[in-house]
Amino acid sequence: MASENRGLILQQRLIRHDPANLHCREINLRLSADCRQLVLSRYTEHYGPALVRWIERSHTVSVTDLFRWLVANGEADVMKIGTQPLP
């Protein structure tokens, strides 16, 4: 039995500008089913008296490419370098 991977919810917002209009937004980050891609999804809904509209945008990047980019461009921190003589 496969379970749905909702991932991490990075932002969830509900805005009511007036009693007749409601705007919902959610941004989440998850791994693809095969765990090879990182997927950032942005979902927006708008409810109004004459309108119900929703849109979802997804951006994907290979996990391998992401880690290569982090190694090449990230800031490296060395916590401790220690040496001990062998007995």
PDB file of N, CA and C in Angstrom:
ATOM      1  N   MET A   1       0.844  -1.179   0.000  1.00  0.00           N
ATOM      2  CA  MET A   1       0.000   0.000   0.000  1.00  0.00           C
ATOM      3  C   MET A   1       0.888   1.240   0.000  1.00  0.00           C
ATOM      4  N   ALA A   2       0.761   2.085  -1.017  1.00  0.00           N
ATOM      5  CA  ALA A   2       1.559   3.299  -1.120  1.00  0.00           C
ATOM      6  C   ALA A   2       0.866   4.429  -0.363  1.00  0.00           C
ATOM      7  N   SER A   3       1.659   5.230   0.316  1.00  0.00           N
ATOM      8  CA  SER A   3       1.094   6.376   1.016  1.00  0.00           C
ATOM      9  C   SER A   3       1.468   7.644   0.262  1.00  0.00           C
ATOM     10  N   GLU A   4       0.604   8.628   0.336  1.00  0.00           N
ATOM     11  CA  GLU A   4       0.856   9.890  -0.349  1.00  0.00           C
ATOM     12  C   GLU A   4       1.920  10.663   0.421  1.00  0.00           C
ATOM     13  N   ASN A   5       2.915  11.172  -0.288  1.00  0.00           N
ATOM     14  CA  ASN A   5       3.980  11.950   0.324  1.00  0.00           C
ATOM     15  C   ASN A   5       3.656  13.430   0.192  1.00  0.00           C
ATOM     16  N   ARG A   6       3.113  14.013   1.242  1.00  0.00           N
ATOM     17  CA  ARG A   6       2.776  15.441   1.222  1.00  0.00           C
ATOM     18  C   ARG A   6       4.000  16.303   1.455  1.00  0.00           C
ATOM     19  N   GLY A   7       5.042  15.766   2.048  1.00  0.00           N
ATOM     20  CA  GLY A   7       6.258  16.532   2.257  1.00  0.00           C
ATOM     21  C   GLY A   7       6.153  17.514   3.400  1.00  0.00           C
ATOM     22  N   LEU A   8       6.957  18.566   3.300  1.00  0.00           N
ATOM     23  CA  LEU A   8       6.993  19.616   4.317  1.00  0.00           C
ATOM     24  C   LEU A   8       6.158  20.800   3.860  1.00  0.00           C
ATOM     25  N   ILE A   9       5.258  21.240   4.691  1.00  0.00           N
ATOM     26  CA  ILE A   9       4.500  22.452   4.375  1.00  0.00           C
ATOM     27  C   ILE A   9       5.360  23.637   4.809  1.00  0.00           C
ATOM     28  N   LEU A  10       5.800  24.427   3.829  1.00  0.00           N
ATOM     29  CA  LEU A  10       6.662  25.572   4.115  1.00  0.00           C
ATOM     30  C   LEU A  10       5.858  26.814   4.460  1.00  0.00           C
ATOM     31  N   GLN A  11       4.683  26.933   3.846  1.00  0.00           N
ATOM     32  CA  GLN A  11       3.818  28.080   4.126  1.00  0.00           C
ATOM     33  C   GLN A  11       2.377  27.679   3.861  1.00  0.00           C
ATOM     34  N   GLN A  12       1.509  28.109   4.745  1.00  0.00           N
ATOM     35  CA  GLN A  12       0.077  27.889   4.567  1.00  0.00           C
ATOM     36  C   GLN A  12      -0.611  29.169   5.034  1.00  0.00           C
ATOM     37  N   ARG A  13      -1.330  29.797   4.114  1.00  0.00           N
ATOM     38  CA  ARG A  13      -1.904  31.094   4.441  1.00  0.00           C
ATOM     39  C   ARG A  13      -3.356  31.162   3.986  1.00  0.00           C
ATOM     40  N   LEU A  14      -4.184  31.770   4.803  1.00  0.00           N
ATOM     41  CA  LEU A  14      -5.601  31.970   4.512  1.00  0.00           C
ATOM     42  C   LEU A  14      -5.897  33.451   4.740  1.00  0.00           C
ATOM     43  N   ILE A  15      -6.358  34.131   3.685  1.00  0.00           N
ATOM     44  CA  ILE A  15      -6.617  35.570   3.777  1.00  0.00           C
ATOM     45  C   ILE A  15      -8.068  35.831   3.397  1.00  0.00           C
ATOM     46  N   ARG A  16      -8.744  36.570   4.240  1.00  0.00           N
ATOM     47  CA  ARG A  16     -10.133  36.962   3.956  1.00  0.00           C
ATOM     48  C   ARG A  16     -10.147  38.490   3.907  1.00  0.00           C
ATOM     49  N   HIS A  17     -10.168  39.039   2.673  1.00  0.00           N
ATOM     50  CA  HIS A  17     -10.178  40.493   2.511  1.00  0.00           C
ATOM     51  C   HIS A  17     -11.519  41.090   2.916  1.00  0.00           C
ATOM     52  N   ASP A  18     -12.579  40.339   2.687  1.00  0.00           N
ATOM     53  CA  ASP A  18     -13.923  40.745   3.080  1.00  0.00           C
ATOM     54  C   ASP A  18     -14.745  39.459   3.224  1.00  0.00           C
ATOM     55  N   PRO A  19     -15.967  39.523   3.735  1.00  0.00           N
ATOM     56  CA  PRO A  19     -16.744  38.295   3.960  1.00  0.00           C
ATOM     57  C   PRO A  19     -17.024  37.477   2.696  1.00  0.00           C
ATOM     58  N   ALA A  20     -16.946  38.089   1.523  1.00  0.00           N
ATOM     59  CA  ALA A  20     -17.309  37.385   0.296  1.00  0.00           C
ATOM     60  C   ALA A  20     -16.117  36.776  -0.441  1.00  0.00           C
ATOM     61  N   ASN A  21     -14.897  37.146  -0.081  1.00  0.00           N
ATOM     62  CA  ASN A  21     -13.713  36.681  -0.799  1.00  0.00           C
ATOM     63  C   ASN A  21     -12.732  35.988   0.130  1.00  0.00           C
ATOM     64  N   LEU A  22     -12.222  34.851  -0.331  1.00  0.00           N
ATOM     65  CA  LEU A  22     -11.276  34.063   0.452  1.00  0.00           C
ATOM     66  C   LEU A  22     -10.129  33.650  -0.460  1.00  0.00           C
ATOM     67  N   HIS A  23      -8.909  33.804   0.030  1.00  0.00           N
ATOM     68  CA  HIS A  23      -7.712  33.456  -0.735  1.00  0.00           C
ATOM     69  C   HIS A  23      -6.882  32.485   0.106  1.00  0.00           C
ATOM     70  N   CYS A  24      -6.585  31.303  -0.451  1.00  0.00           N
ATOM     71  CA  CYS A  24      -5.798  30.278   0.245  1.00  0.00           C
ATOM     72  C   CYS A  24      -4.506  30.035  -0.531  1.00  0.00           C
ATOM     73  N   ARG A  25      -3.410  29.817   0.184  1.00  0.00           N
ATOM     74  CA  ARG A  25      -2.133  29.555  -0.464  1.00  0.00           C
ATOM     75  C   ARG A  25      -1.353  28.544   0.352  1.00  0.00           C
ATOM     76  N   GLU A  26      -0.714  27.591  -0.354  1.00  0.00           N
ATOM     77  CA  GLU A  26       0.125  26.603   0.319  1.00  0.00           C
ATOM     78  C   GLU A  26       1.366  26.358  -0.523  1.00  0.00           C
ATOM     79  N   ILE A  27       2.503  26.310   0.141  1.00  0.00           N
ATOM     80  CA  ILE A  27       3.771  25.983  -0.511  1.00  0.00           C
ATOM     81  C   ILE A  27       4.336  24.777   0.221  1.00  0.00           C
ATOM     82  N   ASN A  28       4.686  23.721  -0.539  1.00  0.00           N
ATOM     83  CA  ASN A  28       5.266  22.547   0.119  1.00  0.00           C
ATOM     84  C   ASN A  28       6.436  22.005  -0.679  1.00  0.00           C
ATOM     85  N   LEU A  29       7.266  21.255   0.009  1.00  0.00           N
ATOM     86  CA  LEU A  29       8.477  20.669  -0.540  1.00  0.00           C
ATOM     87  C   LEU A  29       8.437  19.184  -0.255  1.00  0.00           C
ATOM     88  N   ARG A  30       8.653  18.360  -1.297  1.00  0.00           N
ATOM     89  CA  ARG A  30       8.586  16.917  -1.114  1.00  0.00           C
ATOM     90  C   ARG A  30       9.529  16.219  -2.078  1.00  0.00           C
ATOM     91  N   LEU A  31       9.762  14.961  -1.827  1.00  0.00           N
ATOM     92  CA  LEU A  31      10.505  14.114  -2.744  1.00  0.00           C
ATOM     93  C   LEU A  31       9.532  13.457  -3.713  1.00  0.00           C
ATOM     94  N   SER A  32       9.972  13.234  -4.938  1.00  0.00           N
ATOM     95  CA  SER A  32       9.145  12.506  -5.900  1.00  0.00           C
ATOM     96  C   SER A  32       9.000  11.058  -5.432  1.00  0.00           C
ATOM     97  N   ALA A  33       8.093  10.326  -6.051  1.00  0.00           N
ATOM     98  CA  ALA A  33       7.828   8.936  -5.657  1.00  0.00           C
ATOM     99  C   ALA A  33       9.077   8.065  -5.745  1.00  0.00           C
ATOM    100  N   ASP A  34       9.949   8.333  -6.720  1.00  0.00           N
ATOM    101  CA  ASP A  34      11.173   7.530  -6.857  1.00  0.00           C
ATOM    102  C   ASP A  34      12.353   8.117  -6.066  1.00  0.00           C
ATOM    103  N   CYS A  35      12.116   9.195  -5.323  1.00  0.00           N
ATOM    104  CA  CYS A  35      13.119   9.868  -4.470  1.00  0.00           C
ATOM    105  C   CYS A  35      14.305  10.430  -5.256  1.00  0.00           C
ATOM    106  N   ARG A  36      14.126  10.661  -6.539  1.00  0.00           N
ATOM    107  CA  ARG A  36      15.215  11.214  -7.354  1.00  0.00           C
ATOM    108  C   ARG A  36      15.074  12.708  -7.599  1.00  0.00           C
ATOM    109  N   GLN A  37      13.905  13.247  -7.320  1.00  0.00           N
ATOM    110  CA  GLN A  37      13.662  14.660  -7.581  1.00  0.00           C
ATOM    111  C   GLN A  37      13.094  15.326  -6.332  1.00  0.00           C
ATOM    112  N   LEU A  38      13.476  16.573  -6.145  1.00  0.00           N
ATOM    113  CA  LEU A  38      12.896  17.407  -5.105  1.00  0.00           C
ATOM    114  C   LEU A  38      11.864  18.290  -5.797  1.00  0.00           C
ATOM    115  N   VAL A  39      10.650  18.347  -5.243  1.00  0.00           N
ATOM    116  CA  VAL A  39       9.540  19.052  -5.889  1.00  0.00           C
ATOM    117  C   VAL A  39       9.043  20.154  -4.957  1.00  0.00           C
ATOM    118  N   LEU A  40       9.055  21.383  -5.453  1.00  0.00           N
ATOM    119  CA  LEU A  40       8.499  22.529  -4.739  1.00  0.00           C
ATOM    120  C   LEU A  40       7.177  22.867  -5.425  1.00  0.00           C
ATOM    121  N   SER A  41       6.074  22.794  -4.679  1.00  0.00           N
ATOM    122  CA  SER A  41       4.747  23.064  -5.244  1.00  0.00           C
ATOM    123  C   SER A  41       4.129  24.280  -4.577  1.00  0.00           C
ATOM    124  N   ARG A  42       3.507  25.121  -5.416  1.00  0.00           N
ATOM    125  CA  ARG A  42       2.781  26.303  -4.928  1.00  0.00           C
ATOM    126  C   ARG A  42       1.346  26.176  -5.398  1.00  0.00           C
ATOM    127  N   TYR A  43       0.421  26.149  -4.450  1.00  0.00           N
ATOM    128  CA  TYR A  43      -0.996  25.969  -4.749  1.00  0.00           C
ATOM    129  C   TYR A  43      -1.763  27.180  -4.231  1.00  0.00           C
ATOM    130  N   THR A  44      -2.612  27.746  -5.090  1.00  0.00           N
ATOM    131  CA  THR A  44      -3.399  28.922  -4.728  1.00  0.00           C
ATOM    132  C   THR A  44      -4.862  28.699  -5.094  1.00  0.00           C
ATOM    133  N   GLU A  45      -5.758  29.093  -4.201  1.00  0.00           N
ATOM    134  CA  GLU A  45      -7.203  29.052  -4.461  1.00  0.00           C
ATOM    135  C   GLU A  45      -7.799  30.410  -4.133  1.00  0.00           C
ATOM    136  N   HIS A  46      -8.766  30.826  -4.929  1.00  0.00           N
ATOM    137  CA  HIS A  46      -9.487  32.064  -4.655  1.00  0.00           C
ATOM    138  C   HIS A  46     -10.981  31.778  -4.779  1.00  0.00           C
ATOM    139  N   TYR A  47     -11.717  32.103  -3.739  1.00  0.00           N
ATOM    140  CA  TYR A  47     -13.166  31.936  -3.726  1.00  0.00           C
ATOM    141  C   TYR A  47     -13.804  33.313  -3.647  1.00  0.00           C
ATOM    142  N   GLY A  48     -14.740  33.568  -4.547  1.00  0.00           N
ATOM    143  CA  GLY A  48     -15.467  34.825  -4.540  1.00  0.00           C
ATOM    144  C   GLY A  48     -16.902  34.574  -4.970  1.00  0.00           C
ATOM    145  N   PRO A  49     -17.749  35.592  -4.920  1.00  0.00           N
ATOM    146  CA  PRO A  49     -19.158  35.422  -5.250  1.00  0.00           C
ATOM    147  C   PRO A  49     -19.391  34.887  -6.669  1.00  0.00           C
ATOM    148  N   ALA A  50     -18.579  35.307  -7.620  1.00  0.00           N
ATOM    149  CA  ALA A  50     -18.788  34.884  -9.004  1.00  0.00           C
ATOM    150  C   ALA A  50     -17.610  34.067  -9.528  1.00  0.00           C
ATOM    151  N   LEU A  51     -16.718  33.621  -8.631  1.00  0.00           N
ATOM    152  CA  LEU A  51     -15.473  33.037  -9.109  1.00  0.00           C
ATOM    153  C   LEU A  51     -14.904  32.033  -8.121  1.00  0.00           C
ATOM    154  N   VAL A  52     -14.512  30.890  -8.627  1.00  0.00           N
ATOM    155  CA  VAL A  52     -13.685  29.952  -7.880  1.00  0.00           C
ATOM    156  C   VAL A  52     -12.540  29.601  -8.820  1.00  0.00           C
ATOM    157  N   ARG A  53     -11.330  29.923  -8.401  1.00  0.00           N
ATOM    158  CA  ARG A  53     -10.173  29.723  -9.260  1.00  0.00           C
ATOM    159  C   ARG A  53      -9.055  29.076  -8.452  1.00  0.00           C
ATOM    160  N   TRP A  54      -8.347  28.126  -9.053  1.00  0.00           N
ATOM    161  CA  TRP A  54      -7.198  27.514  -8.391  1.00  0.00           C
ATOM    162  C   TRP A  54      -6.102  27.303  -9.426  1.00  0.00           C
ATOM    163  N   ILE A  55      -4.871  27.295  -8.948  1.00  0.00           N
ATOM    164  CA  ILE A  55      -3.724  27.043  -9.810  1.00  0.00           C
ATOM    165  C   ILE A  55      -2.633  26.385  -8.973  1.00  0.00           C
ATOM    166  N   GLU A  56      -1.938  25.430  -9.572  1.00  0.00           N
ATOM    167  CA  GLU A  56      -0.799  24.793  -8.905  1.00  0.00           C
ATOM    168  C   GLU A  56       0.399  24.847  -9.841  1.00  0.00           C
ATOM    169  N   ARG A  57       1.510  25.283  -9.296  1.00  0.00           N
ATOM    170  CA  ARG A  57       2.768  25.326 -10.040  1.00  0.00           C
ATOM    171  C   ARG A  57       3.763  24.438  -9.302  1.00  0.00           C
ATOM    172  N   SER A  58       4.499  23.642 -10.066  1.00  0.00           N
ATOM    173  CA  SER A  58       5.512  22.774  -9.457  1.00  0.00           C
ATOM    174  C   SER A  58       6.855  23.019 -10.131  1.00  0.00           C
ATOM    175  N   HIS A  59       7.890  23.005  -9.319  1.00  0.00           N
ATOM    176  CA  HIS A  59       9.256  23.165  -9.797  1.00  0.00           C
ATOM    177  C   HIS A  59      10.027  21.940  -9.312  1.00  0.00           C
ATOM    178  N   THR A  60      10.783  21.290 -10.185  1.00  0.00           N
ATOM    179  CA  THR A  60      11.529  20.093  -9.799  1.00  0.00           C
ATOM    180  C   THR A  60      13.010  20.271 -10.090  1.00  0.00           C
ATOM    181  N   VAL A  61      13.804  19.597  -9.288  1.00  0.00           N
ATOM    182  CA  VAL A  61      15.244  19.556  -9.497  1.00  0.00           C
ATOM    183  C   VAL A  61      15.730  18.172  -9.071  1.00  0.00           C
ATOM    184  N   SER A  62      16.687  17.664  -9.786  1.00  0.00           N
ATOM    185  CA  SER A  62      17.284  16.377  -9.444  1.00  0.00           C
ATOM    186  C   SER A  62      17.993  16.504  -8.088  1.00  0.00           C
ATOM    187  N   VAL A  63      17.795  15.536  -7.216  1.00  0.00           N
ATOM    188  CA  VAL A  63      18.458  15.552  -5.910  1.00  0.00           C
ATOM    189  C   VAL A  63      19.973  15.532  -6.106  1.00  0.00           C
ATOM    190  N   THR A  64      20.445  14.744  -7.062  1.00  0.00           N
ATOM    191  CA  THR A  64      21.890  14.681  -7.355  1.00  0.00           C
ATOM    192  C   THR A  64      22.411  16.049  -7.776  1.00  0.00           C
ATOM    193  N   ASP A  65      21.702  16.716  -8.691  1.00  0.00           N
ATOM    194  CA  ASP A  65      22.119  18.047  -9.137  1.00  0.00           C
ATOM    195  C   ASP A  65      22.089  19.056  -7.998  1.00  0.00           C
ATOM    196  N   LEU A  66      21.097  18.946  -7.127  1.00  0.00           N
ATOM    197  CA  LEU A  66      21.000  19.846  -5.987  1.00  0.00           C
ATOM    198  C   LEU A  66      22.205  19.686  -5.060  1.00  0.00           C
ATOM    199  N   PHE A  67      22.568  18.441  -4.739  1.00  0.00           N
ATOM    200  CA  PHE A  67      23.730  18.220  -3.870  1.00  0.00           C
ATOM    201  C   PHE A  67      25.024  18.658  -4.530  1.00  0.00           C
ATOM    202  N   ARG A  68      25.160  18.443  -5.828  1.00  0.00           N
ATOM    203  CA  ARG A  68      26.354  18.921  -6.544  1.00  0.00           C
ATOM    204  C   ARG A  68      26.441  20.442  -6.480  1.00  0.00           C
ATOM    205  N   TRP A  69      25.295  21.112  -6.651  1.00  0.00           N
ATOM    206  CA  TRP A  69      25.281  22.564  -6.574  1.00  0.00           C
ATOM    207  C   TRP A  69      25.653  23.034  -5.163  1.00  0.00           C
ATOM    208  N   LEU A  70      25.122  22.367  -4.139  1.00  0.00           N
ATOM    209  CA  LEU A  70      25.446  22.742  -2.753  1.00  0.00           C
ATOM    210  C   LEU A  70      26.935  22.616  -2.468  1.00  0.00           C
ATOM    211  N   VAL A  71      27.540  21.523  -2.926  1.00  0.00           N
ATOM    212  CA  VAL A  71      28.975  21.322  -2.696  1.00  0.00           C
ATOM    213  C   VAL A  71      29.778  22.388  -3.431  1.00  0.00           C
ATOM    214  N   ALA A  72      29.392  22.696  -4.667  1.00  0.00           N
ATOM    215  CA  ALA A  72      30.126  23.670  -5.470  1.00  0.00           C
ATOM    216  C   ALA A  72      29.908  25.113  -5.012  1.00  0.00           C
ATOM    217  N   ASN A  73      28.719  25.430  -4.498  1.00  0.00           N
ATOM    218  CA  ASN A  73      28.374  26.823  -4.205  1.00  0.00           C
ATOM    219  C   ASN A  73      28.084  27.128  -2.750  1.00  0.00           C
ATOM    220  N   GLY A  74      27.887  26.096  -1.938  1.00  0.00           N
ATOM    221  CA  GLY A  74      27.556  26.324  -0.537  1.00  0.00           C
ATOM    222  C   GLY A  74      28.769  26.748   0.270  1.00  0.00           C
ATOM    223  N   GLU A  75      28.499  27.266   1.430  1.00  0.00           N
ATOM    224  CA  GLU A  75      29.566  27.685   2.330  1.00  0.00           C
ATOM    225  C   GLU A  75      29.989  26.493   3.177  1.00  0.00           C
ATOM    226  N   ALA A  76      31.271  26.160   3.105  1.00  0.00           N
ATOM    227  CA  ALA A  76      31.790  25.004   3.845  1.00  0.00           C
ATOM    228  C   ALA A  76      32.232  25.442   5.236  1.00  0.00           C
ATOM    229  N   ASP A  77      31.831  24.700   6.246  1.00  0.00           N
ATOM    230  CA  ASP A  77      32.260  24.930   7.622  1.00  0.00           C
ATOM    231  C   ASP A  77      33.015  23.696   8.094  1.00  0.00           C
ATOM    232  N   VAL A  78      34.195  23.921   8.648  1.00  0.00           N
ATOM    233  CA  VAL A  78      34.958  22.829   9.247  1.00  0.00           C
ATOM    234  C   VAL A  78      34.789  22.972  10.745  1.00  0.00           C
ATOM    235  N   MET A  79      34.184  21.961  11.361  1.00  0.00           N
ATOM    236  CA  MET A  79      33.894  22.046  12.784  1.00  0.00           C
ATOM    237  C   MET A  79      35.143  21.807  13.631  1.00  0.00           C
ATOM    238  N   LYS A  80      35.907  20.772  13.308  1.00  0.00           N
ATOM    239  CA  LYS A  80      37.105  20.469  14.094  1.00  0.00           C
ATOM    240  C   LYS A  80      37.988  19.535  13.278  1.00  0.00           C
ATOM    241  N   ILE A  81      39.226  19.859  13.289  1.00  0.00           N
ATOM    242  CA  ILE A  81      40.193  18.960  12.679  1.00  0.00           C
ATOM    243  C   ILE A  81      41.094  18.497  13.808  1.00  0.00           C
ATOM    244  N   GLY A  82      41.148  17.201  14.019  1.00  0.00           N
ATOM    245  CA  GLY A  82      41.952  16.694  15.116  1.00  0.00           C
ATOM    246  C   GLY A  82      42.801  15.527  14.661  1.00  0.00           C
ATOM    247  N   THR A  83      43.961  15.439  15.231  1.00  0.00           N
ATOM    248  CA  THR A  83      44.829  14.281  14.976  1.00  0.00           C
ATOM    249  C   THR A  83      45.300  13.745  16.307  1.00  0.00           C
ATOM    250  N   GLN A  84      45.436  12.456  16.363  1.00  0.00           N
ATOM    251  CA  GLN A  84      45.952  11.813  17.563  1.00  0.00           C
ATOM    252  C   GLN A  84      47.005  10.806  17.117  1.00  0.00           C
ATOM    253  N   PRO A  85      48.091  10.707  17.858  1.00  0.00           N
ATOM    254  CA  PRO A  85      49.101   9.698  17.515  1.00  0.00           C
ATOM    255  C   PRO A  85      48.550   8.285  17.752  1.00  0.00           C
ATOM    256  N   LEU A  86      48.944   7.369  16.918  1.00  0.00           N
ATOM    257  CA  LEU A  86      48.554   5.981  17.084  1.00  0.00           C
ATOM    258  C   LEU A  86      49.370   5.361  18.207  1.00  0.00           C
ATOM    259  N   PRO A  87      48.802   4.465  19.001  1.00  0.00           N
ATOM    260  CA  PRO A  87      49.549   3.864  20.112  1.00  0.00           C
ATOM    261  C   PRO A  87      50.599   2.900  19.623  1.00  0.00           C
TER     262      PRO A  87
END
